Amino acid sequence: TSALVVSYFSTRHVVAQEMLRGVLLTSL
């Protein structure tokens, strides 16, 4: 989950963020 946080917040690619968002929220 920590790696997901880093991936989500280090990219500015909107599509990548949206793909990660649901898994990140659920995991947190």
mmCIF file of all heavy atoms, coordinates in Angstrom:
data_MODEL
# 
_entry.id   MODEL 
# 
loop_
_atom_site.group_PDB 
_atom_site.id 
_atom_site.type_symbol 
_atom_site.label_atom_id 
_atom_site.label_alt_id 
_atom_site.label_comp_id 
_atom_site.label_asym_id 
_atom_site.label_entity_id 
_atom_site.label_seq_id 
_atom_site.pdbx_PDB_ins_code 
_atom_site.Cartn_x 
_atom_site.Cartn_y 
_atom_site.Cartn_z 
_atom_site.occupancy 
_atom_site.B_iso_or_equiv 
_atom_site.pdbx_formal_charge 
_atom_site.auth_seq_id 
_atom_site.auth_comp_id 
_atom_site.auth_asym_id 
_atom_site.auth_atom_id 
_atom_site.pdbx_PDB_model_num 
ATOM 1   N N   . THR A 1 1  ? 0.828   -1.208 0.000   1.00 0.00 ? 1  THR A N   1 
ATOM 2   C CA  . THR A 1 1  ? 0.000   0.000  0.000   1.00 0.00 ? 1  THR A CA  1 
ATOM 3   C C   . THR A 1 1  ? 0.861   1.256  0.000   1.00 0.00 ? 1  THR A C   1 
ATOM 4   O O   . THR A 1 1  ? 0.537   2.228  -0.684  1.00 0.00 ? 1  THR A O   1 
ATOM 5   C CB  . THR A 1 1  ? -0.979  -0.028 1.194   1.00 0.00 ? 1  THR A CB  1 
ATOM 6   O OG1 . THR A 1 1  ? -1.754  -1.242 1.134   1.00 0.00 ? 1  THR A OG1 1 
ATOM 7   C CG2 . THR A 1 1  ? -1.922  1.164  1.164   1.00 0.00 ? 1  THR A CG2 1 
ATOM 8   N N   . SER A 1 2  ? 1.947   1.236  0.732   1.00 0.00 ? 2  SER A N   1 
ATOM 9   C CA  . SER A 1 2  ? 2.870   2.378  0.718   1.00 0.00 ? 2  SER A CA  1 
ATOM 10  C C   . SER A 1 2  ? 3.432   2.608  -0.684  1.00 0.00 ? 2  SER A C   1 
ATOM 11  O O   . SER A 1 2  ? 3.569   3.759  -1.122  1.00 0.00 ? 2  SER A O   1 
ATOM 12  C CB  . SER A 1 2  ? 4.015   2.155  1.710   1.00 0.00 ? 2  SER A CB  1 
ATOM 13  O OG  . SER A 1 2  ? 3.521   2.184  3.025   1.00 0.00 ? 2  SER A OG  1 
ATOM 14  N N   . ALA A 1 3  ? 3.741   1.534  -1.389  1.00 0.00 ? 3  ALA A N   1 
ATOM 15  C CA  . ALA A 1 3  ? 4.227   1.664  -2.768  1.00 0.00 ? 3  ALA A CA  1 
ATOM 16  C C   . ALA A 1 3  ? 3.129   2.220  -3.676  1.00 0.00 ? 3  ALA A C   1 
ATOM 17  O O   . ALA A 1 3  ? 3.409   2.999  -4.591  1.00 0.00 ? 3  ALA A O   1 
ATOM 18  C CB  . ALA A 1 3  ? 4.719   0.312  -3.283  1.00 0.00 ? 3  ALA A CB  1 
ATOM 19  N N   . LEU A 1 4  ? 1.884   1.839  -3.403  1.00 0.00 ? 4  LEU A N   1 
ATOM 20  C CA  . LEU A 1 4  ? 0.755   2.409  -4.156  1.00 0.00 ? 4  LEU A CA  1 
ATOM 21  C C   . LEU A 1 4  ? 0.657   3.913  -3.930  1.00 0.00 ? 4  LEU A C   1 
ATOM 22  O O   . LEU A 1 4  ? 0.404   4.670  -4.875  1.00 0.00 ? 4  LEU A O   1 
ATOM 23  C CB  . LEU A 1 4  ? -0.567  1.769  -3.704  1.00 0.00 ? 4  LEU A CB  1 
ATOM 24  C CG  . LEU A 1 4  ? -1.056  0.538  -4.411  1.00 0.00 ? 4  LEU A CG  1 
ATOM 25  C CD1 . LEU A 1 4  ? -2.316  0.013  -3.725  1.00 0.00 ? 4  LEU A CD1 1 
ATOM 26  C CD2 . LEU A 1 4  ? -1.322  0.801  -5.861  1.00 0.00 ? 4  LEU A CD2 1 
ATOM 27  N N   . VAL A 1 5  ? 0.837   4.322  -2.689  1.00 0.00 ? 5  VAL A N   1 
ATOM 28  C CA  . VAL A 1 5  ? 0.794   5.750  -2.362  1.00 0.00 ? 5  VAL A CA  1 
ATOM 29  C C   . VAL A 1 5  ? 1.862   6.493  -3.173  1.00 0.00 ? 5  VAL A C   1 
ATOM 30  O O   . VAL A 1 5  ? 1.571   7.508  -3.815  1.00 0.00 ? 5  VAL A O   1 
ATOM 31  C CB  . VAL A 1 5  ? 0.996   5.994  -0.845  1.00 0.00 ? 5  VAL A CB  1 
ATOM 32  C CG1 . VAL A 1 5  ? 1.201   7.477  -0.546  1.00 0.00 ? 5  VAL A CG1 1 
ATOM 33  C CG2 . VAL A 1 5  ? -0.181  5.443  -0.054  1.00 0.00 ? 5  VAL A CG2 1 
ATOM 34  N N   . VAL A 1 6  ? 3.066   5.973  -3.162  1.00 0.00 ? 6  VAL A N   1 
ATOM 35  C CA  . VAL A 1 6  ? 4.159   6.606  -3.905  1.00 0.00 ? 6  VAL A CA  1 
ATOM 36  C C   . VAL A 1 6  ? 3.830   6.662  -5.393  1.00 0.00 ? 6  VAL A C   1 
ATOM 37  O O   . VAL A 1 6  ? 3.990   7.707  -6.039  1.00 0.00 ? 6  VAL A O   1 
ATOM 38  C CB  . VAL A 1 6  ? 5.496   5.866  -3.660  1.00 0.00 ? 6  VAL A CB  1 
ATOM 39  C CG1 . VAL A 1 6  ? 6.576   6.356  -4.614  1.00 0.00 ? 6  VAL A CG1 1 
ATOM 40  C CG2 . VAL A 1 6  ? 5.934   6.023  -2.209  1.00 0.00 ? 6  VAL A CG2 1 
ATOM 41  N N   . SER A 1 7  ? 3.347   5.558  -5.945  1.00 0.00 ? 7  SER A N   1 
ATOM 42  C CA  . SER A 1 7  ? 3.014   5.516  -7.374  1.00 0.00 ? 7  SER A CA  1 
ATOM 43  C C   . SER A 1 7  ? 1.916   6.515  -7.715  1.00 0.00 ? 7  SER A C   1 
ATOM 44  O O   . SER A 1 7  ? 2.017   7.250  -8.697  1.00 0.00 ? 7  SER A O   1 
ATOM 45  C CB  . SER A 1 7  ? 2.566   4.108  -7.784  1.00 0.00 ? 7  SER A CB  1 
ATOM 46  O OG  . SER A 1 7  ? 3.629   3.214  -7.684  1.00 0.00 ? 7  SER A OG  1 
ATOM 47  N N   . TYR A 1 8  ? 0.878   6.528  -6.902  1.00 0.00 ? 8  TYR A N   1 
ATOM 48  C CA  . TYR A 1 8  ? -0.258  7.409  -7.166  1.00 0.00 ? 8  TYR A CA  1 
ATOM 49  C C   . TYR A 1 8  ? 0.160   8.880  -7.129  1.00 0.00 ? 8  TYR A C   1 
ATOM 50  O O   . TYR A 1 8  ? -0.193  9.661  -8.020  1.00 0.00 ? 8  TYR A O   1 
ATOM 51  C CB  . TYR A 1 8  ? -1.371  7.149  -6.148  1.00 0.00 ? 8  TYR A CB  1 
ATOM 52  C CG  . TYR A 1 8  ? -2.591  8.004  -6.365  1.00 0.00 ? 8  TYR A CG  1 
ATOM 53  C CD1 . TYR A 1 8  ? -3.592  7.600  -7.236  1.00 0.00 ? 8  TYR A CD1 1 
ATOM 54  C CD2 . TYR A 1 8  ? -2.739  9.225  -5.711  1.00 0.00 ? 8  TYR A CD2 1 
ATOM 55  C CE1 . TYR A 1 8  ? -4.714  8.392  -7.457  1.00 0.00 ? 8  TYR A CE1 1 
ATOM 56  C CE2 . TYR A 1 8  ? -3.859  10.017 -5.925  1.00 0.00 ? 8  TYR A CE2 1 
ATOM 57  C CZ  . TYR A 1 8  ? -4.844  9.592  -6.794  1.00 0.00 ? 8  TYR A CZ  1 
ATOM 58  O OH  . TYR A 1 8  ? -5.944  10.389 -7.012  1.00 0.00 ? 8  TYR A OH  1 
ATOM 59  N N   . PHE A 1 9  ? 0.906   9.258  -6.111  1.00 0.00 ? 9  PHE A N   1 
ATOM 60  C CA  . PHE A 1 9  ? 1.235   10.677 -5.929  1.00 0.00 ? 9  PHE A CA  1 
ATOM 61  C C   . PHE A 1 9  ? 2.476   11.129 -6.696  1.00 0.00 ? 9  PHE A C   1 
ATOM 62  O O   . PHE A 1 9  ? 2.721   12.323 -6.801  1.00 0.00 ? 9  PHE A O   1 
ATOM 63  C CB  . PHE A 1 9  ? 1.353   11.015 -4.439  1.00 0.00 ? 9  PHE A CB  1 
ATOM 64  C CG  . PHE A 1 9  ? 0.020   11.026 -3.759  1.00 0.00 ? 9  PHE A CG  1 
ATOM 65  C CD1 . PHE A 1 9  ? -0.411  9.934  -3.029  1.00 0.00 ? 9  PHE A CD1 1 
ATOM 66  C CD2 . PHE A 1 9  ? -0.833  12.118 -3.888  1.00 0.00 ? 9  PHE A CD2 1 
ATOM 67  C CE1 . PHE A 1 9  ? -1.662  9.926  -2.419  1.00 0.00 ? 9  PHE A CE1 1 
ATOM 68  C CE2 . PHE A 1 9  ? -2.086  12.119 -3.286  1.00 0.00 ? 9  PHE A CE2 1 
ATOM 69  C CZ  . PHE A 1 9  ? -2.499  11.024 -2.549  1.00 0.00 ? 9  PHE A CZ  1 
ATOM 70  N N   . SER A 1 10 ? 3.224   10.199 -7.260  1.00 0.00 ? 10 SER A N   1 
ATOM 71  C CA  . SER A 1 10 ? 4.408   10.604 -8.021  1.00 0.00 ? 10 SER A CA  1 
ATOM 72  C C   . SER A 1 10 ? 4.115   10.769 -9.509  1.00 0.00 ? 10 SER A C   1 
ATOM 73  O O   . SER A 1 10 ? 4.897   11.380 -10.225 1.00 0.00 ? 10 SER A O   1 
ATOM 74  C CB  . SER A 1 10 ? 5.548   9.606  -7.832  1.00 0.00 ? 10 SER A CB  1 
ATOM 75  O OG  . SER A 1 10 ? 5.208   8.352  -8.393  1.00 0.00 ? 10 SER A OG  1 
ATOM 76  N N   . THR A 1 11 ? 2.991   10.235 -9.965  1.00 0.00 ? 11 THR A N   1 
ATOM 77  C CA  . THR A 1 11 ? 2.646   10.404 -11.372 1.00 0.00 ? 11 THR A CA  1 
ATOM 78  C C   . THR A 1 11 ? 1.665   11.561 -11.535 1.00 0.00 ? 11 THR A C   1 
ATOM 79  O O   . THR A 1 11 ? 0.865   11.822 -10.652 1.00 0.00 ? 11 THR A O   1 
ATOM 80  C CB  . THR A 1 11 ? 2.052   9.114  -11.982 1.00 0.00 ? 11 THR A CB  1 
ATOM 81  O OG1 . THR A 1 11 ? 1.858   9.327  -13.387 1.00 0.00 ? 11 THR A OG1 1 
ATOM 82  C CG2 . THR A 1 11 ? 0.708   8.749  -11.367 1.00 0.00 ? 11 THR A CG2 1 
ATOM 83  N N   . ARG A 1 12 ? 1.751   12.208 -12.634 1.00 0.00 ? 12 ARG A N   1 
ATOM 84  C CA  . ARG A 1 12 ? 0.777   13.242 -12.981 1.00 0.00 ? 12 ARG A CA  1 
ATOM 85  C C   . ARG A 1 12 ? -0.071  12.773 -14.150 1.00 0.00 ? 12 ARG A C   1 
ATOM 86  O O   . ARG A 1 12 ? -0.819  13.533 -14.738 1.00 0.00 ? 12 ARG A O   1 
ATOM 87  C CB  . ARG A 1 12 ? 1.482   14.569 -13.323 1.00 0.00 ? 12 ARG A CB  1 
ATOM 88  C CG  . ARG A 1 12 ? 2.167   15.179 -12.129 1.00 0.00 ? 12 ARG A CG  1 
ATOM 89  C CD  . ARG A 1 12 ? 1.141   15.582 -11.059 1.00 0.00 ? 12 ARG A CD  1 
ATOM 90  N NE  . ARG A 1 12 ? 1.798   15.818 -9.778  1.00 0.00 ? 12 ARG A NE  1 
ATOM 91  C CZ  . ARG A 1 12 ? 1.360   15.308 -8.639  1.00 0.00 ? 12 ARG A CZ  1 
ATOM 92  N NH1 . ARG A 1 12 ? 0.312   14.533 -8.606  1.00 0.00 ? 12 ARG A NH1 1 
ATOM 93  N NH2 . ARG A 1 12 ? 1.978   15.573 -7.515  1.00 0.00 ? 12 ARG A NH2 1 
ATOM 94  N N   . HIS A 1 13 ? 0.057   11.483 -14.457 1.00 0.00 ? 13 HIS A N   1 
ATOM 95  C CA  . HIS A 1 13 ? -0.727  10.893 -15.537 1.00 0.00 ? 13 HIS A CA  1 
ATOM 96  C C   . HIS A 1 13 ? -2.126  10.585 -14.990 1.00 0.00 ? 13 HIS A C   1 
ATOM 97  O O   . HIS A 1 13 ? -2.301  9.695  -14.160 1.00 0.00 ? 13 HIS A O   1 
ATOM 98  C CB  . HIS A 1 13 ? -0.054  9.621  -16.048 1.00 0.00 ? 13 HIS A CB  1 
ATOM 99  C CG  . HIS A 1 13 ? -0.576  9.148  -17.351 1.00 0.00 ? 13 HIS A CG  1 
ATOM 100 N ND1 . HIS A 1 13 ? -1.825  8.582  -17.490 1.00 0.00 ? 13 HIS A ND1 1 
ATOM 101 C CD2 . HIS A 1 13 ? -0.027  9.181  -18.584 1.00 0.00 ? 13 HIS A CD2 1 
ATOM 102 C CE1 . HIS A 1 13 ? -2.008  8.267  -18.747 1.00 0.00 ? 13 HIS A CE1 1 
ATOM 103 N NE2 . HIS A 1 13 ? -0.939  8.627  -19.438 1.00 0.00 ? 13 HIS A NE2 1 
ATOM 104 N N   . VAL A 1 14 ? -3.097  11.345 -15.441 1.00 0.00 ? 14 VAL A N   1 
ATOM 105 C CA  . VAL A 1 14 ? -4.454  11.268 -14.903 1.00 0.00 ? 14 VAL A CA  1 
ATOM 106 C C   . VAL A 1 14 ? -5.040  9.865  -15.041 1.00 0.00 ? 14 VAL A C   1 
ATOM 107 O O   . VAL A 1 14 ? -5.682  9.355  -14.113 1.00 0.00 ? 14 VAL A O   1 
ATOM 108 C CB  . VAL A 1 14 ? -5.368  12.317 -15.584 1.00 0.00 ? 14 VAL A CB  1 
ATOM 109 C CG1 . VAL A 1 14 ? -6.807  12.158 -15.146 1.00 0.00 ? 14 VAL A CG1 1 
ATOM 110 C CG2 . VAL A 1 14 ? -4.866  13.714 -15.288 1.00 0.00 ? 14 VAL A CG2 1 
ATOM 111 N N   . VAL A 1 15 ? -4.821  9.221  -16.166 1.00 0.00 ? 15 VAL A N   1 
ATOM 112 C CA  . VAL A 1 15 ? -5.375  7.881  -16.368 1.00 0.00 ? 15 VAL A CA  1 
ATOM 113 C C   . VAL A 1 15 ? -4.737  6.894  -15.391 1.00 0.00 ? 15 VAL A C   1 
ATOM 114 O O   . VAL A 1 15 ? -5.439  6.088  -14.763 1.00 0.00 ? 15 VAL A O   1 
ATOM 115 C CB  . VAL A 1 15 ? -5.196  7.419  -17.833 1.00 0.00 ? 15 VAL A CB  1 
ATOM 116 C CG1 . VAL A 1 15 ? -5.649  5.968  -18.010 1.00 0.00 ? 15 VAL A CG1 1 
ATOM 117 C CG2 . VAL A 1 15 ? -5.969  8.339  -18.776 1.00 0.00 ? 15 VAL A CG2 1 
ATOM 118 N N   . ALA A 1 16 ? -3.428  6.959  -15.222 1.00 0.00 ? 16 ALA A N   1 
ATOM 119 C CA  . ALA A 1 16 ? -2.755  6.075  -14.269 1.00 0.00 ? 16 ALA A CA  1 
ATOM 120 C C   . ALA A 1 16 ? -3.275  6.311  -12.858 1.00 0.00 ? 16 ALA A C   1 
ATOM 121 O O   . ALA A 1 16 ? -3.539  5.354  -12.114 1.00 0.00 ? 16 ALA A O   1 
ATOM 122 C CB  . ALA A 1 16 ? -1.242  6.289  -14.325 1.00 0.00 ? 16 ALA A CB  1 
ATOM 123 N N   . GLN A 1 17 ? -3.437  7.575  -12.468 1.00 0.00 ? 17 GLN A N   1 
ATOM 124 C CA  . GLN A 1 17 ? -3.964  7.866  -11.136 1.00 0.00 ? 17 GLN A CA  1 
ATOM 125 C C   . GLN A 1 17 ? -5.358  7.268  -10.946 1.00 0.00 ? 17 GLN A C   1 
ATOM 126 O O   . GLN A 1 17 ? -5.634  6.675  -9.899  1.00 0.00 ? 17 GLN A O   1 
ATOM 127 C CB  . GLN A 1 17 ? -4.011  9.368  -10.891 1.00 0.00 ? 17 GLN A CB  1 
ATOM 128 C CG  . GLN A 1 17 ? -2.677  9.954  -10.523 1.00 0.00 ? 17 GLN A CG  1 
ATOM 129 C CD  . GLN A 1 17 ? -2.771  11.422 -10.149 1.00 0.00 ? 17 GLN A CD  1 
ATOM 130 O OE1 . GLN A 1 17 ? -3.535  12.178 -10.746 1.00 0.00 ? 17 GLN A OE1 1 
ATOM 131 N NE2 . GLN A 1 17 ? -1.985  11.821 -9.178  1.00 0.00 ? 17 GLN A NE2 1 
ATOM 132 N N   . GLU A 1 18 ? -6.213  7.434  -11.920 1.00 0.00 ? 18 GLU A N   1 
ATOM 133 C CA  . GLU A 1 18 ? -7.576  6.900  -11.793 1.00 0.00 ? 18 GLU A CA  1 
ATOM 134 C C   . GLU A 1 18 ? -7.573  5.379  -11.721 1.00 0.00 ? 18 GLU A C   1 
ATOM 135 O O   . GLU A 1 18 ? -8.392  4.785  -11.018 1.00 0.00 ? 18 GLU A O   1 
ATOM 136 C CB  . GLU A 1 18 ? -8.464  7.395  -12.932 1.00 0.00 ? 18 GLU A CB  1 
ATOM 137 C CG  . GLU A 1 18 ? -8.817  8.868  -12.808 1.00 0.00 ? 18 GLU A CG  1 
ATOM 138 C CD  . GLU A 1 18 ? -9.473  9.222  -11.479 1.00 0.00 ? 18 GLU A CD  1 
ATOM 139 O OE1 . GLU A 1 18 ? -10.407 8.504  -11.033 1.00 0.00 ? 18 GLU A OE1 1 
ATOM 140 O OE2 . GLU A 1 18 ? -9.069  10.220 -10.868 1.00 0.00 ? 18 GLU A OE2 1 
ATOM 141 N N   . MET A 1 19 ? -6.659  4.742  -12.427 1.00 0.00 ? 19 MET A N   1 
ATOM 142 C CA  . MET A 1 19 ? -6.571  3.279  -12.377 1.00 0.00 ? 19 MET A CA  1 
ATOM 143 C C   . MET A 1 19 ? -6.117  2.804  -11.001 1.00 0.00 ? 19 MET A C   1 
ATOM 144 O O   . MET A 1 19 ? -6.552  1.764  -10.517 1.00 0.00 ? 19 MET A O   1 
ATOM 145 C CB  . MET A 1 19 ? -5.647  2.763  -13.471 1.00 0.00 ? 19 MET A CB  1 
ATOM 146 C CG  . MET A 1 19 ? -6.202  3.018  -14.868 1.00 0.00 ? 19 MET A CG  1 
ATOM 147 S SD  . MET A 1 19 ? -5.008  2.632  -16.153 1.00 0.00 ? 19 MET A SD  1 
ATOM 148 C CE  . MET A 1 19 ? -5.491  0.962  -16.518 1.00 0.00 ? 19 MET A CE  1 
ATOM 149 N N   . LEU A 1 20 ? -5.255  3.572  -10.347 1.00 0.00 ? 20 LEU A N   1 
ATOM 150 C CA  . LEU A 1 20 ? -4.744  3.209  -9.028  1.00 0.00 ? 20 LEU A CA  1 
ATOM 151 C C   . LEU A 1 20 ? -5.667  3.623  -7.892  1.00 0.00 ? 20 LEU A C   1 
ATOM 152 O O   . LEU A 1 20 ? -5.648  3.018  -6.811  1.00 0.00 ? 20 LEU A O   1 
ATOM 153 C CB  . LEU A 1 20 ? -3.366  3.860  -8.803  1.00 0.00 ? 20 LEU A CB  1 
ATOM 154 C CG  . LEU A 1 20 ? -2.229  3.412  -9.711  1.00 0.00 ? 20 LEU A CG  1 
ATOM 155 C CD1 . LEU A 1 20 ? -1.012  4.307  -9.517  1.00 0.00 ? 20 LEU A CD1 1 
ATOM 156 C CD2 . LEU A 1 20 ? -1.888  1.954  -9.461  1.00 0.00 ? 20 LEU A CD2 1 
ATOM 157 N N   . ARG A 1 21 ? -6.477  4.627  -8.111  1.00 0.00 ? 21 ARG A N   1 
ATOM 158 C CA  . ARG A 1 21 ? -7.271  5.256  -7.058  1.00 0.00 ? 21 ARG A CA  1 
ATOM 159 C C   . ARG A 1 21 ? -8.136  4.277  -6.254  1.00 0.00 ? 21 ARG A C   1 
ATOM 160 O O   . ARG A 1 21 ? -8.100  4.261  -5.021  1.00 0.00 ? 21 ARG A O   1 
ATOM 161 C CB  . ARG A 1 21 ? -8.147  6.358  -7.650  1.00 0.00 ? 21 ARG A CB  1 
ATOM 162 C CG  . ARG A 1 21 ? -8.970  7.103  -6.622  1.00 0.00 ? 21 ARG A CG  1 
ATOM 163 C CD  . ARG A 1 21 ? -9.805  8.208  -7.273  1.00 0.00 ? 21 ARG A CD  1 
ATOM 164 N NE  . ARG A 1 21 ? -10.646 8.848  -6.320  1.00 0.00 ? 21 ARG A NE  1 
ATOM 165 C CZ  . ARG A 1 21 ? -10.254 9.789  -5.459  1.00 0.00 ? 21 ARG A CZ  1 
ATOM 166 N NH1 . ARG A 1 21 ? -9.004  10.192 -5.450  1.00 0.00 ? 21 ARG A NH1 1 
ATOM 167 N NH2 . ARG A 1 21 ? -11.108 10.321 -4.609  1.00 0.00 ? 21 ARG A NH2 1 
ATOM 168 N N   . GLY A 1 22 ? -8.919  3.464  -6.921  1.00 0.00 ? 22 GLY A N   1 
ATOM 169 C CA  . GLY A 1 22 ? -9.821  2.556  -6.210  1.00 0.00 ? 22 GLY A CA  1 
ATOM 170 C C   . GLY A 1 22 ? -9.095  1.531  -5.371  1.00 0.00 ? 22 GLY A C   1 
ATOM 171 O O   . GLY A 1 22 ? -9.492  1.242  -4.233  1.00 0.00 ? 22 GLY A O   1 
ATOM 172 N N   . VAL A 1 23 ? -8.020  0.984  -5.913  1.00 0.00 ? 23 VAL A N   1 
ATOM 173 C CA  . VAL A 1 23 ? -7.244  -0.002 -5.161  1.00 0.00 ? 23 VAL A CA  1 
ATOM 174 C C   . VAL A 1 23 ? -6.564  0.672  -3.971  1.00 0.00 ? 23 VAL A C   1 
ATOM 175 O O   . VAL A 1 23 ? -6.519  0.113  -2.875  1.00 0.00 ? 23 VAL A O   1 
ATOM 176 C CB  . VAL A 1 23 ? -6.218  -0.713 -6.080  1.00 0.00 ? 23 VAL A CB  1 
ATOM 177 C CG1 . VAL A 1 23 ? -5.319  -1.645 -5.274  1.00 0.00 ? 23 VAL A CG1 1 
ATOM 178 C CG2 . VAL A 1 23 ? -6.940  -1.485 -7.175  1.00 0.00 ? 23 VAL A CG2 1 
ATOM 179 N N   . LEU A 1 24 ? -6.076  1.885  -4.172  1.00 0.00 ? 24 LEU A N   1 
ATOM 180 C CA  . LEU A 1 24 ? -5.426  2.607  -3.079  1.00 0.00 ? 24 LEU A CA  1 
ATOM 181 C C   . LEU A 1 24 ? -6.403  2.931  -1.958  1.00 0.00 ? 24 LEU A C   1 
ATOM 182 O O   . LEU A 1 24 ? -6.123  2.663  -0.779  1.00 0.00 ? 24 LEU A O   1 
ATOM 183 C CB  . LEU A 1 24 ? -4.763  3.884  -3.599  1.00 0.00 ? 24 LEU A CB  1 
ATOM 184 C CG  . LEU A 1 24 ? -4.081  4.765  -2.551  1.00 0.00 ? 24 LEU A CG  1 
ATOM 185 C CD1 . LEU A 1 24 ? -3.058  3.993  -1.729  1.00 0.00 ? 24 LEU A CD1 1 
ATOM 186 C CD2 . LEU A 1 24 ? -3.442  5.973  -3.219  1.00 0.00 ? 24 LEU A CD2 1 
ATOM 187 N N   . LEU A 1 25 ? -7.557  3.486  -2.289  1.00 0.00 ? 25 LEU A N   1 
ATOM 188 C CA  . LEU A 1 25 ? -8.549  3.803  -1.258  1.00 0.00 ? 25 LEU A CA  1 
ATOM 189 C C   . LEU A 1 25 ? -8.950  2.546  -0.484  1.00 0.00 ? 25 LEU A C   1 
ATOM 190 O O   . LEU A 1 25 ? -8.986  2.539  0.752   1.00 0.00 ? 25 LEU A O   1 
ATOM 191 C CB  . LEU A 1 25 ? -9.792  4.434  -1.888  1.00 0.00 ? 25 LEU A CB  1 
ATOM 192 C CG  . LEU A 1 25 ? -9.674  5.890  -2.335  1.00 0.00 ? 25 LEU A CG  1 
ATOM 193 C CD1 . LEU A 1 25 ? -10.850 6.267  -3.219  1.00 0.00 ? 25 LEU A CD1 1 
ATOM 194 C CD2 . LEU A 1 25 ? -9.576  6.819  -1.145  1.00 0.00 ? 25 LEU A CD2 1 
ATOM 195 N N   . THR A 1 26 ? -9.242  1.485  -1.212  1.00 0.00 ? 26 THR A N   1 
ATOM 196 C CA  . THR A 1 26 ? -9.656  0.226  -0.586  1.00 0.00 ? 26 THR A CA  1 
ATOM 197 C C   . THR A 1 26 ? -8.561  -0.308 0.327   1.00 0.00 ? 26 THR A C   1 
ATOM 198 O O   . THR A 1 26 ? -8.830  -0.727 1.464   1.00 0.00 ? 26 THR A O   1 
ATOM 199 C CB  . THR A 1 26 ? -10.014 -0.808 -1.664  1.00 0.00 ? 26 THR A CB  1 
ATOM 200 O OG1 . THR A 1 26 ? -11.031 -0.265 -2.517  1.00 0.00 ? 26 THR A OG1 1 
ATOM 201 C CG2 . THR A 1 26 ? -10.501 -2.111 -1.061  1.00 0.00 ? 26 THR A CG2 1 
ATOM 202 N N   . SER A 1 27 ? -7.332  -0.269 -0.147  1.00 0.00 ? 27 SER A N   1 
ATOM 203 C CA  . SER A 1 27 ? -6.205  -0.791 0.636   1.00 0.00 ? 27 SER A CA  1 
ATOM 204 C C   . SER A 1 27 ? -5.977  0.024  1.909   1.00 0.00 ? 27 SER A C   1 
ATOM 205 O O   . SER A 1 27 ? -5.705  -0.548 2.973   1.00 0.00 ? 27 SER A O   1 
ATOM 206 C CB  . SER A 1 27 ? -4.943  -0.793 -0.221  1.00 0.00 ? 27 SER A CB  1 
ATOM 207 O OG  . SER A 1 27 ? -5.123  -1.628 -1.354  1.00 0.00 ? 27 SER A OG  1 
ATOM 208 N N   . LEU A 1 28 ? -6.097  1.339  1.816   1.00 0.00 ? 28 LEU A N   1 
ATOM 209 C CA  . LEU A 1 28 ? -5.931  2.178  3.008   1.00 0.00 ? 28 LEU A CA  1 
ATOM 210 C C   . LEU A 1 28 ? -7.000  1.889  4.050   1.00 0.00 ? 28 LEU A C   1 
ATOM 211 O O   . LEU A 1 28 ? -6.712  1.818  5.256   1.00 0.00 ? 28 LEU A O   1 
ATOM 212 C CB  . LEU A 1 28 ? -5.938  3.659  2.618   1.00 0.00 ? 28 LEU A CB  1 
ATOM 213 C CG  . LEU A 1 28 ? -4.694  4.160  1.884   1.00 0.00 ? 28 LEU A CG  1 
ATOM 214 C CD1 . LEU A 1 28 ? -4.945  5.556  1.290   1.00 0.00 ? 28 LEU A CD1 1 
ATOM 215 C CD2 . LEU A 1 28 ? -3.481  4.181  2.806   1.00 0.00 ? 28 LEU A CD2 1 
# 
